[in-house]
Amino acid sequence: MNRYRLAIAAVADLDEIADGPSNAVAILEALRSTFQVLADHPNVGTLREDLLPGIRVFSPPRPANDYVVLFYPMPGGIEVANVIHGSRDWITMFSSGGRGSNE
């Protein structure tokens, strides 16, 4: 089984989710399961070189389907860069340099 690690920004994103919706526990469990699937299959998702070199984007299943996981494949797994609510303009967030630096 491959591993995933969380960038500092991703930890902050998960903390924000934990303090948010009433179903936060279920969302966090679904996200952690998604992270493990991505670690085991790091080439799934969509490569988004227009945002940052090597970053991939994946939409997790319910109940976390309102979020977007941005991650980097690495030897033996992935690094989760960010977990952003899909209603946010995350493409502009990355384009303006506000997110995604490989922390």
PDB file of N, CA and C in Angstrom:
ATOM      1  N   MET A   1       0.847  -1.178   0.000  1.00  0.00           N
ATOM      2  CA  MET A   1       0.000   0.000   0.000  1.00  0.00           C
ATOM      3  C   MET A   1       0.889   1.237   0.000  1.00  0.00           C
ATOM      4  N   ASN A   2       0.618   2.157  -0.917  1.00  0.00           N
ATOM      5  CA  ASN A   2       1.349   3.409  -0.979  1.00  0.00           C
ATOM      6  C   ASN A   2       0.838   4.376   0.080  1.00  0.00           C
ATOM      7  N   ARG A   3       1.565   5.455   0.253  1.00  0.00           N
ATOM      8  CA  ARG A   3       1.222   6.417   1.304  1.00  0.00           C
ATOM      9  C   ARG A   3       0.877   7.772   0.706  1.00  0.00           C
ATOM     10  N   TYR A   4       0.134   8.536   1.506  1.00  0.00           N
ATOM     11  CA  TYR A   4      -0.096   9.935   1.155  1.00  0.00           C
ATOM     12  C   TYR A   4       0.414  10.793   2.295  1.00  0.00           C
ATOM     13  N   ARG A   5       0.829  11.990   1.919  1.00  0.00           N
ATOM     14  CA  ARG A   5       1.188  12.964   2.947  1.00  0.00           C
ATOM     15  C   ARG A   5       0.463  14.251   2.617  1.00  0.00           C
ATOM     16  N   LEU A   6       0.253  15.047   3.643  1.00  0.00           N
ATOM     17  CA  LEU A   6      -0.497  16.284   3.496  1.00  0.00           C
ATOM     18  C   LEU A   6       0.443  17.473   3.573  1.00  0.00           C
ATOM     19  N   ALA A   7       0.370  18.367   2.600  1.00  0.00           N
ATOM     20  CA  ALA A   7       1.091  19.632   2.671  1.00  0.00           C
ATOM     21  C   ALA A   7       0.447  20.488   3.767  1.00  0.00           C
ATOM     22  N   ILE A   8       1.168  21.481   4.220  1.00  0.00           N
ATOM     23  CA  ILE A   8       0.657  22.371   5.276  1.00  0.00           C
ATOM     24  C   ILE A   8      -0.688  22.974   4.871  1.00  0.00           C
ATOM     25  N   ALA A   9      -0.799  23.397   3.620  1.00  0.00           N
ATOM     26  CA  ALA A   9      -2.053  23.994   3.137  1.00  0.00           C
ATOM     27  C   ALA A   9      -3.195  22.987   3.181  1.00  0.00           C
ATOM     28  N   ALA A  10      -2.921  21.735   2.878  1.00  0.00           N
ATOM     29  CA  ALA A  10      -3.965  20.707   2.907  1.00  0.00           C
ATOM     30  C   ALA A  10      -4.441  20.451   4.339  1.00  0.00           C
ATOM     31  N   VAL A  11      -3.522  20.468   5.293  1.00  0.00           N
ATOM     32  CA  VAL A  11      -3.910  20.311   6.707  1.00  0.00           C
ATOM     33  C   VAL A  11      -4.849  21.448   7.107  1.00  0.00           C
ATOM     34  N   ALA A  12      -4.502  22.662   6.707  1.00  0.00           N
ATOM     35  CA  ALA A  12      -5.358  23.817   7.009  1.00  0.00           C
ATOM     36  C   ALA A  12      -6.723  23.668   6.339  1.00  0.00           C
ATOM     37  N   ASP A  13      -6.736  23.169   5.104  1.00  0.00           N
ATOM     38  CA  ASP A  13      -8.005  22.955   4.399  1.00  0.00           C
ATOM     39  C   ASP A  13      -8.877  21.943   5.146  1.00  0.00           C
ATOM     40  N   LEU A  14      -8.281  20.855   5.613  1.00  0.00           N
ATOM     41  CA  LEU A  14      -9.039  19.833   6.343  1.00  0.00           C
ATOM     42  C   LEU A  14      -9.536  20.372   7.675  1.00  0.00           C
ATOM     43  N   ASP A  15      -8.731  21.195   8.334  1.00  0.00           N
ATOM     44  CA  ASP A  15      -9.179  21.827   9.583  1.00  0.00           C
ATOM     45  C   ASP A  15     -10.396  22.716   9.331  1.00  0.00           C
ATOM     46  N   GLU A  16     -10.366  23.435   8.223  1.00  0.00           N
ATOM     47  CA  GLU A  16     -11.489  24.298   7.857  1.00  0.00           C
ATOM     48  C   GLU A  16     -12.746  23.465   7.591  1.00  0.00           C
ATOM     49  N   ILE A  17     -12.594  22.342   6.923  1.00  0.00           N
ATOM     50  CA  ILE A  17     -13.732  21.455   6.662  1.00  0.00           C
ATOM     51  C   ILE A  17     -14.275  20.909   7.979  1.00  0.00           C
ATOM     52  N   ALA A  18     -13.383  20.534   8.881  1.00  0.00           N
ATOM     53  CA  ALA A  18     -13.808  19.977  10.175  1.00  0.00           C
ATOM     54  C   ALA A  18     -14.660  20.965  10.964  1.00  0.00           C
ATOM     55  N   ASP A  19     -14.392  22.250  10.786  1.00  0.00           N
ATOM     56  CA  ASP A  19     -15.151  23.290  11.496  1.00  0.00           C
ATOM     57  C   ASP A  19     -16.377  23.747  10.729  1.00  0.00           C
ATOM     58  N   GLY A  20     -16.626  23.154   9.559  1.00  0.00           N
ATOM     59  CA  GLY A  20     -17.673  23.659   8.676  1.00  0.00           C
ATOM     60  C   GLY A  20     -18.967  22.889   8.703  1.00  0.00           C
ATOM     61  N   PRO A  21     -19.202  22.095   7.678  1.00  0.00           N
ATOM     62  CA  PRO A  21     -20.528  21.487   7.487  1.00  0.00           C
ATOM     63  C   PRO A  21     -20.899  20.494   8.592  1.00  0.00           C
ATOM     64  N   SER A  22     -22.204  20.306   8.739  1.00  0.00           N
ATOM     65  CA  SER A  22     -22.693  19.397   9.782  1.00  0.00           C
ATOM     66  C   SER A  22     -22.256  17.960   9.531  1.00  0.00           C
ATOM     67  N   ASN A  23     -21.990  17.593   8.294  1.00  0.00           N
ATOM     68  CA  ASN A  23     -21.542  16.236   7.979  1.00  0.00           C
ATOM     69  C   ASN A  23     -20.022  16.177   7.788  1.00  0.00           C
ATOM     70  N   ALA A  24     -19.299  17.025   8.498  1.00  0.00           N
ATOM     71  CA  ALA A  24     -17.843  17.137   8.341  1.00  0.00           C
ATOM     72  C   ALA A  24     -17.133  15.808   8.588  1.00  0.00           C
ATOM     73  N   VAL A  25     -17.578  15.035   9.565  1.00  0.00           N
ATOM     74  CA  VAL A  25     -16.907  13.763   9.864  1.00  0.00           C
ATOM     75  C   VAL A  25     -16.994  12.828   8.666  1.00  0.00           C
ATOM     76  N   ALA A  26     -18.163  12.727   8.073  1.00  0.00           N
ATOM     77  CA  ALA A  26     -18.340  11.860   6.899  1.00  0.00           C
ATOM     78  C   ALA A  26     -17.520  12.373   5.719  1.00  0.00           C
ATOM     79  N   ILE A  27     -17.460  13.685   5.541  1.00  0.00           N
ATOM     80  CA  ILE A  27     -16.665  14.267   4.457  1.00  0.00           C
ATOM     81  C   ILE A  27     -15.191  13.962   4.662  1.00  0.00           C
ATOM     82  N   LEU A  28     -14.701  14.150   5.874  1.00  0.00           N
ATOM     83  CA  LEU A  28     -13.289  13.890   6.157  1.00  0.00           C
ATOM     84  C   LEU A  28     -12.944  12.419   5.969  1.00  0.00           C
ATOM     85  N   GLU A  29     -13.833  11.527   6.375  1.00  0.00           N
ATOM     86  CA  GLU A  29     -13.596  10.091   6.161  1.00  0.00           C
ATOM     87  C   GLU A  29     -13.529   9.775   4.667  1.00  0.00           C
ATOM     88  N   ALA A  30     -14.429  10.358   3.892  1.00  0.00           N
ATOM     89  CA  ALA A  30     -14.420  10.131   2.445  1.00  0.00           C
ATOM     90  C   ALA A  30     -13.151  10.699   1.815  1.00  0.00           C
ATOM     91  N   LEU A  31     -12.710  11.855   2.287  1.00  0.00           N
ATOM     92  CA  LEU A  31     -11.480  12.439   1.756  1.00  0.00           C
ATOM     93  C   LEU A  31     -10.277  11.573   2.078  1.00  0.00           C
ATOM     94  N   ARG A  32     -10.187  11.081   3.294  1.00  0.00           N
ATOM     95  CA  ARG A  32      -9.046  10.226   3.659  1.00  0.00           C
ATOM     96  C   ARG A  32      -9.043   8.938   2.829  1.00  0.00           C
ATOM     97  N   SER A  33     -10.212   8.380   2.593  1.00  0.00           N
ATOM     98  CA  SER A  33     -10.293   7.203   1.712  1.00  0.00           C
ATOM     99  C   SER A  33      -9.852   7.553   0.300  1.00  0.00           C
ATOM    100  N   THR A  34     -10.256   8.726  -0.165  1.00  0.00           N
ATOM    101  CA  THR A  34      -9.853   9.196  -1.490  1.00  0.00           C
ATOM    102  C   THR A  34      -8.345   9.366  -1.564  1.00  0.00           C
ATOM    103  N   PHE A  35      -7.750   9.954  -0.516  1.00  0.00           N
ATOM    104  CA  PHE A  35      -6.298  10.140  -0.512  1.00  0.00           C
ATOM    105  C   PHE A  35      -5.579   8.806  -0.656  1.00  0.00           C
ATOM    106  N   GLN A  36      -6.088   7.775   0.012  1.00  0.00           N
ATOM    107  CA  GLN A  36      -5.438   6.464  -0.076  1.00  0.00           C
ATOM    108  C   GLN A  36      -5.594   5.870  -1.474  1.00  0.00           C
ATOM    109  N   VAL A  37      -6.765   6.007  -2.062  1.00  0.00           N
ATOM    110  CA  VAL A  37      -6.965   5.527  -3.435  1.00  0.00           C
ATOM    111  C   VAL A  37      -6.010   6.250  -4.386  1.00  0.00           C
ATOM    112  N   LEU A  38      -5.882   7.564  -4.216  1.00  0.00           N
ATOM    113  CA  LEU A  38      -4.971   8.332  -5.062  1.00  0.00           C
ATOM    114  C   LEU A  38      -3.522   7.903  -4.842  1.00  0.00           C
ATOM    115  N   ALA A  39      -3.163   7.623  -3.607  1.00  0.00           N
ATOM    116  CA  ALA A  39      -1.802   7.159  -3.316  1.00  0.00           C
ATOM    117  C   ALA A  39      -1.524   5.841  -4.024  1.00  0.00           C
ATOM    118  N   ASP A  40      -2.519   4.969  -4.063  1.00  0.00           N
ATOM    119  CA  ASP A  40      -2.366   3.668  -4.712  1.00  0.00           C
ATOM    120  C   ASP A  40      -2.439   3.775  -6.247  1.00  0.00           C
ATOM    121  N   HIS A  41      -3.047   4.845  -6.743  1.00  0.00           N
ATOM    122  CA  HIS A  41      -3.215   5.061  -8.189  1.00  0.00           C
ATOM    123  C   HIS A  41      -2.911   6.535  -8.499  1.00  0.00           C
ATOM    124  N   PRO A  42      -1.661   6.950  -8.384  1.00  0.00           N
ATOM    125  CA  PRO A  42      -1.318   8.378  -8.447  1.00  0.00           C
ATOM    126  C   PRO A  42      -1.480   9.038  -9.807  1.00  0.00           C
ATOM    127  N   ASN A  43      -1.774   8.286 -10.847  1.00  0.00           N
ATOM    128  CA  ASN A  43      -1.945   8.897 -12.158  1.00  0.00           C
ATOM    129  C   ASN A  43      -3.404   9.097 -12.546  1.00  0.00           C
ATOM    130  N   VAL A  44      -4.332   8.874 -11.608  1.00  0.00           N
ATOM    131  CA  VAL A  44      -5.736   9.180 -11.889  1.00  0.00           C
ATOM    132  C   VAL A  44      -5.940  10.681 -11.731  1.00  0.00           C
ATOM    133  N   GLY A  45      -7.105  11.133 -12.047  1.00  0.00           N
ATOM    134  CA  GLY A  45      -7.349  12.565 -11.988  1.00  0.00           C
ATOM    135  C   GLY A  45      -6.854  13.229 -13.264  1.00  0.00           C
ATOM    136  N   THR A  46      -6.905  14.524 -13.257  1.00  0.00           N
ATOM    137  CA  THR A  46      -6.546  15.303 -14.437  1.00  0.00           C
ATOM    138  C   THR A  46      -5.268  16.078 -14.172  1.00  0.00           C
ATOM    139  N   LEU A  47      -4.306  15.919 -15.054  1.00  0.00           N
ATOM    140  CA  LEU A  47      -3.070  16.685 -14.965  1.00  0.00           C
ATOM    141  C   LEU A  47      -3.394  18.131 -15.321  1.00  0.00           C
ATOM    142  N   ARG A  48      -3.017  19.076 -14.448  1.00  0.00           N
ATOM    143  CA  ARG A  48      -3.314  20.498 -14.668  1.00  0.00           C
ATOM    144  C   ARG A  48      -2.031  21.315 -14.666  1.00  0.00           C
ATOM    145  N   GLU A  49      -1.222  21.096 -15.684  1.00  0.00           N
ATOM    146  CA  GLU A  49       0.033  21.828 -15.839  1.00  0.00           C
ATOM    147  C   GLU A  49      -0.198  23.333 -15.949  1.00  0.00           C
ATOM    148  N   ASP A  50      -1.403  23.740 -16.350  1.00  0.00           N
ATOM    149  CA  ASP A  50      -1.709  25.166 -16.447  1.00  0.00           C
ATOM    150  C   ASP A  50      -1.756  25.827 -15.072  1.00  0.00           C
ATOM    151  N   LEU A  51      -1.956  25.031 -14.027  1.00  0.00           N
ATOM    152  CA  LEU A  51      -1.970  25.572 -12.661  1.00  0.00           C
ATOM    153  C   LEU A  51      -0.583  25.544 -12.051  1.00  0.00           C
ATOM    154  N   LEU A  52       0.002  24.369 -12.008  1.00  0.00           N
ATOM    155  CA  LEU A  52       1.348  24.170 -11.472  1.00  0.00           C
ATOM    156  C   LEU A  52       1.948  22.935 -12.111  1.00  0.00           C
ATOM    157  N   PRO A  53       3.254  22.926 -12.344  1.00  0.00           N
ATOM    158  CA  PRO A  53       3.888  21.751 -12.945  1.00  0.00           C
ATOM    159  C   PRO A  53       3.657  20.489 -12.107  1.00  0.00           C
ATOM    160  N   GLY A  54       3.129  19.453 -12.755  1.00  0.00           N
ATOM    161  CA  GLY A  54       2.974  18.153 -12.117  1.00  0.00           C
ATOM    162  C   GLY A  54       1.753  17.972 -11.243  1.00  0.00           C
ATOM    163  N   ILE A  55       0.945  19.006 -11.045  1.00  0.00           N
ATOM    164  CA  ILE A  55      -0.207  18.871 -10.143  1.00  0.00           C
ATOM    165  C   ILE A  55      -1.370  18.195 -10.868  1.00  0.00           C
ATOM    166  N   ARG A  56      -2.077  17.366 -10.122  1.00  0.00           N
ATOM    167  CA  ARG A  56      -3.239  16.656 -10.648  1.00  0.00           C
ATOM    168  C   ARG A  56      -4.457  17.049  -9.810  1.00  0.00           C
ATOM    169  N   VAL A  57      -5.643  16.962 -10.425  1.00  0.00           N
ATOM    170  CA  VAL A  57      -6.894  17.347  -9.786  1.00  0.00           C
ATOM    171  C   VAL A  57      -7.839  16.154  -9.825  1.00  0.00           C
ATOM    172  N   PHE A  58      -8.532  15.923  -8.705  1.00  0.00           N
ATOM    173  CA  PHE A  58      -9.459  14.799  -8.618  1.00  0.00           C
ATOM    174  C   PHE A  58     -10.681  15.221  -7.820  1.00  0.00           C
ATOM    175  N   SER A  59     -11.859  14.820  -8.287  1.00  0.00           N
ATOM    176  CA  SER A  59     -13.105  15.066  -7.557  1.00  0.00           C
ATOM    177  C   SER A  59     -13.504  13.797  -6.820  1.00  0.00           C
ATOM    178  N   PRO A  60     -13.524  13.837  -5.498  1.00  0.00           N
ATOM    179  CA  PRO A  60     -13.854  12.637  -4.719  1.00  0.00           C
ATOM    180  C   PRO A  60     -15.343  12.295  -4.788  1.00  0.00           C
ATOM    181  N   PRO A  61     -15.684  11.071  -4.372  1.00  0.00           N
ATOM    182  CA  PRO A  61     -17.099  10.661  -4.364  1.00  0.00           C
ATOM    183  C   PRO A  61     -17.852  11.280  -3.182  1.00  0.00           C
ATOM    184  N   ARG A  62     -19.164  11.084  -3.196  1.00  0.00           N
ATOM    185  CA  ARG A  62     -20.013  11.554  -2.089  1.00  0.00           C
ATOM    186  C   ARG A  62     -19.552  10.941  -0.778  1.00  0.00           C
ATOM    187  N   PRO A  63     -19.632  11.613   0.312  1.00  0.00           N
ATOM    188  CA  PRO A  63     -20.204  12.942   0.518  1.00  0.00           C
ATOM    189  C   PRO A  63     -19.194  14.081   0.335  1.00  0.00           C
ATOM    190  N   ALA A  64     -18.015  13.785  -0.169  1.00  0.00           N
ATOM    191  CA  ALA A  64     -16.975  14.806  -0.344  1.00  0.00           C
ATOM    192  C   ALA A  64     -16.950  15.370  -1.757  1.00  0.00           C
ATOM    193  N   ASN A  65     -17.980  15.096  -2.538  1.00  0.00           N
ATOM    194  CA  ASN A  65     -17.973  15.468  -3.952  1.00  0.00           C
ATOM    195  C   ASN A  65     -18.068  16.977  -4.196  1.00  0.00           C
ATOM    196  N   ASP A  66     -18.282  17.773  -3.163  1.00  0.00           N
ATOM    197  CA  ASP A  66     -18.285  19.224  -3.331  1.00  0.00           C
ATOM    198  C   ASP A  66     -16.868  19.793  -3.294  1.00  0.00           C
ATOM    199  N   TYR A  67     -15.891  18.941  -3.056  1.00  0.00           N
ATOM    200  CA  TYR A  67     -14.503  19.376  -2.920  1.00  0.00           C
ATOM    201  C   TYR A  67     -13.660  18.897  -4.088  1.00  0.00           C
ATOM    202  N   VAL A  68     -12.523  19.552  -4.263  1.00  0.00           N
ATOM    203  CA  VAL A  68     -11.557  19.190  -5.287  1.00  0.00           C
ATOM    204  C   VAL A  68     -10.242  18.916  -4.576  1.00  0.00           C
ATOM    205  N   VAL A  69      -9.629  17.776  -4.871  1.00  0.00           N
ATOM    206  CA  VAL A  69      -8.340  17.413  -4.281  1.00  0.00           C
ATOM    207  C   VAL A  69      -7.258  17.708  -5.315  1.00  0.00           C
ATOM    208  N   LEU A  70      -6.277  18.492  -4.915  1.00  0.00           N
ATOM    209  CA  LEU A  70      -5.133  18.801  -5.774  1.00  0.00           C
ATOM    210  C   LEU A  70      -3.923  18.113  -5.171  1.00  0.00           C
ATOM    211  N   PHE A  71      -3.193  17.355  -5.990  1.00  0.00           N
ATOM    212  CA  PHE A  71      -2.122  16.527  -5.437  1.00  0.00           C
ATOM    213  C   PHE A  71      -0.994  16.346  -6.437  1.00  0.00           C
ATOM    214  N   TYR A  72       0.140  15.944  -5.889  1.00  0.00           N
ATOM    215  CA  TYR A  72       1.324  15.633  -6.686  1.00  0.00           C
ATOM    216  C   TYR A  72       1.658  14.156  -6.536  1.00  0.00           C
ATOM    217  N   PRO A  73       1.790  13.412  -7.630  1.00  0.00           N
ATOM    218  CA  PRO A  73       2.316  12.048  -7.521  1.00  0.00           C
ATOM    219  C   PRO A  73       3.772  12.114  -7.056  1.00  0.00           C
ATOM    220  N   MET A  74       4.143  11.173  -6.210  1.00  0.00           N
ATOM    221  CA  MET A  74       5.513  11.065  -5.703  1.00  0.00           C
ATOM    222  C   MET A  74       5.887   9.597  -5.676  1.00  0.00           C
ATOM    223  N   PRO A  75       7.158   9.291  -5.590  1.00  0.00           N
ATOM    224  CA  PRO A  75       7.538   7.883  -5.433  1.00  0.00           C
ATOM    225  C   PRO A  75       6.855   7.304  -4.181  1.00  0.00           C
ATOM    226  N   GLY A  76       6.145   6.217  -4.357  1.00  0.00           N
ATOM    227  CA  GLY A  76       5.488   5.555  -3.229  1.00  0.00           C
ATOM    228  C   GLY A  76       4.188   6.184  -2.778  1.00  0.00           C
ATOM    229  N   GLY A  77       3.612   7.092  -3.589  1.00  0.00           N
ATOM    230  CA  GLY A  77       2.332   7.675  -3.198  1.00  0.00           C
ATOM    231  C   GLY A  77       2.088   9.055  -3.763  1.00  0.00           C
ATOM    232  N   ILE A  78       1.484   9.921  -2.922  1.00  0.00           N
ATOM    233  CA  ILE A  78       1.152  11.280  -3.347  1.00  0.00           C
ATOM    234  C   ILE A  78       1.383  12.256  -2.205  1.00  0.00           C
ATOM    235  N   GLU A  79       1.444  13.533  -2.576  1.00  0.00           N
ATOM    236  CA  GLU A  79       1.347  14.620  -1.603  1.00  0.00           C
ATOM    237  C   GLU A  79       0.092  15.400  -1.941  1.00  0.00           C
ATOM    238  N   VAL A  80      -0.812  15.513  -0.975  1.00  0.00           N
ATOM    239  CA  VAL A  80      -2.028  16.308  -1.153  1.00  0.00           C
ATOM    240  C   VAL A  80      -1.644  17.763  -0.915  1.00  0.00           C
ATOM    241  N   ALA A  81      -1.803  18.580  -1.952  1.00  0.00           N
ATOM    242  CA  ALA A  81      -1.435  19.991  -1.863  1.00  0.00           C
ATOM    243  C   ALA A  81      -2.560  20.818  -1.253  1.00  0.00           C
ATOM    244  N   ASN A  82      -3.791  20.579  -1.716  1.00  0.00           N
ATOM    245  CA  ASN A  82      -4.942  21.351  -1.274  1.00  0.00           C
ATOM    246  C   ASN A  82      -6.215  20.536  -1.398  1.00  0.00           C
ATOM    247  N   VAL A  83      -7.202  20.898  -0.585  1.00  0.00           N
ATOM    248  CA  VAL A  83      -8.560  20.371  -0.695  1.00  0.00           C
ATOM    249  C   VAL A  83      -9.458  21.599  -0.659  1.00  0.00           C
ATOM    250  N   ILE A  84     -10.069  21.912  -1.791  1.00  0.00           N
ATOM    251  CA  ILE A  84     -10.792  23.173  -1.933  1.00  0.00           C
ATOM    252  C   ILE A  84     -12.236  22.897  -2.316  1.00  0.00           C
ATOM    253  N   HIS A  85     -13.151  23.654  -1.714  1.00  0.00           N
ATOM    254  CA  HIS A  85     -14.559  23.525  -2.075  1.00  0.00           C
ATOM    255  C   HIS A  85     -14.723  23.922  -3.536  1.00  0.00           C
ATOM    256  N   GLY A  86     -15.454  23.118  -4.275  1.00  0.00           N
ATOM    257  CA  GLY A  86     -15.618  23.319  -5.707  1.00  0.00           C
ATOM    258  C   GLY A  86     -16.327  24.609  -6.085  1.00  0.00           C
ATOM    259  N   SER A  87     -17.057  25.214  -5.151  1.00  0.00           N
ATOM    260  CA  SER A  87     -17.750  26.459  -5.465  1.00  0.00           C
ATOM    261  C   SER A  87     -16.804  27.663  -5.463  1.00  0.00           C
ATOM    262  N   ARG A  88     -15.620  27.470  -4.897  1.00  0.00           N
ATOM    263  CA  ARG A  88     -14.631  28.553  -4.900  1.00  0.00           C
ATOM    264  C   ARG A  88     -13.953  28.605  -6.268  1.00  0.00           C
ATOM    265  N   ASP A  89     -13.459  29.764  -6.613  1.00  0.00           N
ATOM    266  CA  ASP A  89     -12.777  29.937  -7.895  1.00  0.00           C
ATOM    267  C   ASP A  89     -11.329  29.476  -7.726  1.00  0.00           C
ATOM    268  N   TRP A  90     -11.159  28.165  -7.600  1.00  0.00           N
ATOM    269  CA  TRP A  90      -9.834  27.625  -7.283  1.00  0.00           C
ATOM    270  C   TRP A  90      -8.855  27.782  -8.427  1.00  0.00           C
ATOM    271  N   ILE A  91      -9.327  27.852  -9.652  1.00  0.00           N
ATOM    272  CA  ILE A  91      -8.411  28.060 -10.781  1.00  0.00           C
ATOM    273  C   ILE A  91      -7.759  29.429 -10.673  1.00  0.00           C
ATOM    274  N   THR A  92      -8.548  30.452 -10.344  1.00  0.00           N
ATOM    275  CA  THR A  92      -7.985  31.788 -10.150  1.00  0.00           C
ATOM    276  C   THR A  92      -7.080  31.819  -8.924  1.00  0.00           C
ATOM    277  N   MET A  93      -7.441  31.074  -7.891  1.00  0.00           N
ATOM    278  CA  MET A  93      -6.598  31.021  -6.689  1.00  0.00           C
ATOM    279  C   MET A  93      -5.186  30.552  -7.057  1.00  0.00           C
ATOM    280  N   PHE A  94      -5.096  29.567  -7.895  1.00  0.00           N
ATOM    281  CA  PHE A  94      -3.795  29.050  -8.308  1.00  0.00           C
ATOM    282  C   PHE A  94      -3.111  29.999  -9.281  1.00  0.00           C
ATOM    283  N   SER A  95      -3.860  30.536 -10.218  1.00  0.00           N
ATOM    284  CA  SER A  95      -3.286  31.420 -11.224  1.00  0.00           C
ATOM    285  C   SER A  95      -2.685  32.665 -10.593  1.00  0.00           C
ATOM    286  N   SER A  96      -3.297  33.135  -9.504  1.00  0.00           N
ATOM    287  CA  SER A  96      -2.807  34.350  -8.846  1.00  0.00           C
ATOM    288  C   SER A  96      -1.688  34.054  -7.855  1.00  0.00           C
ATOM    289  N   GLY A  97      -1.301  32.777  -7.737  1.00  0.00           N
ATOM    290  CA  GLY A  97      -0.216  32.414  -6.827  1.00  0.00           C
ATOM    291  C   GLY A  97      -0.655  32.257  -5.384  1.00  0.00           C
ATOM    292  N   GLY A  98      -1.969  32.275  -5.136  1.00  0.00           N
ATOM    293  CA  GLY A  98      -2.459  32.190  -3.774  1.00  0.00           C
ATOM    294  C   GLY A  98      -2.497  30.785  -3.203  1.00  0.00           C
ATOM    295  N   ARG A  99      -2.274  29.796  -4.011  1.00  0.00           N
ATOM    296  CA  ARG A  99      -2.360  28.405  -3.551  1.00  0.00           C
ATOM    297  C   ARG A  99      -1.323  27.563  -4.264  1.00  0.00           C
ATOM    298  N   GLY A 100      -1.164  26.363  -3.724  1.00  0.00           N
ATOM    299  CA  GLY A 100      -0.516  25.314  -4.446  1.00  0.00           C
ATOM    300  C   GLY A 100       0.990  25.293  -4.462  1.00  0.00           C
ATOM    301  N   SER A 101       1.632  26.216  -3.761  1.00  0.00           N
ATOM    302  CA  SER A 101       3.079  26.064  -3.716  1.00  0.00           C
ATOM    303  C   SER A 101       3.375  24.771  -2.989  1.00  0.00           C
ATOM    304  N   ASN A 102       4.234  23.985  -3.503  1.00  0.00           N
ATOM    305  CA  ASN A 102       4.494  22.655  -2.972  1.00  0.00           C
ATOM    306  C   ASN A 102       5.175  22.773  -1.606  1.00  0.00           C
ATOM    307  N   GLU A 103       4.339  22.940  -0.566  1.00  0.00           N
ATOM    308  CA  GLU A 103       4.817  23.209   0.797  1.00  0.00           C
ATOM    309  C   GLU A 103       5.220  21.947   1.497  1.00  0.00           C
TER     310      GLU A 103
END
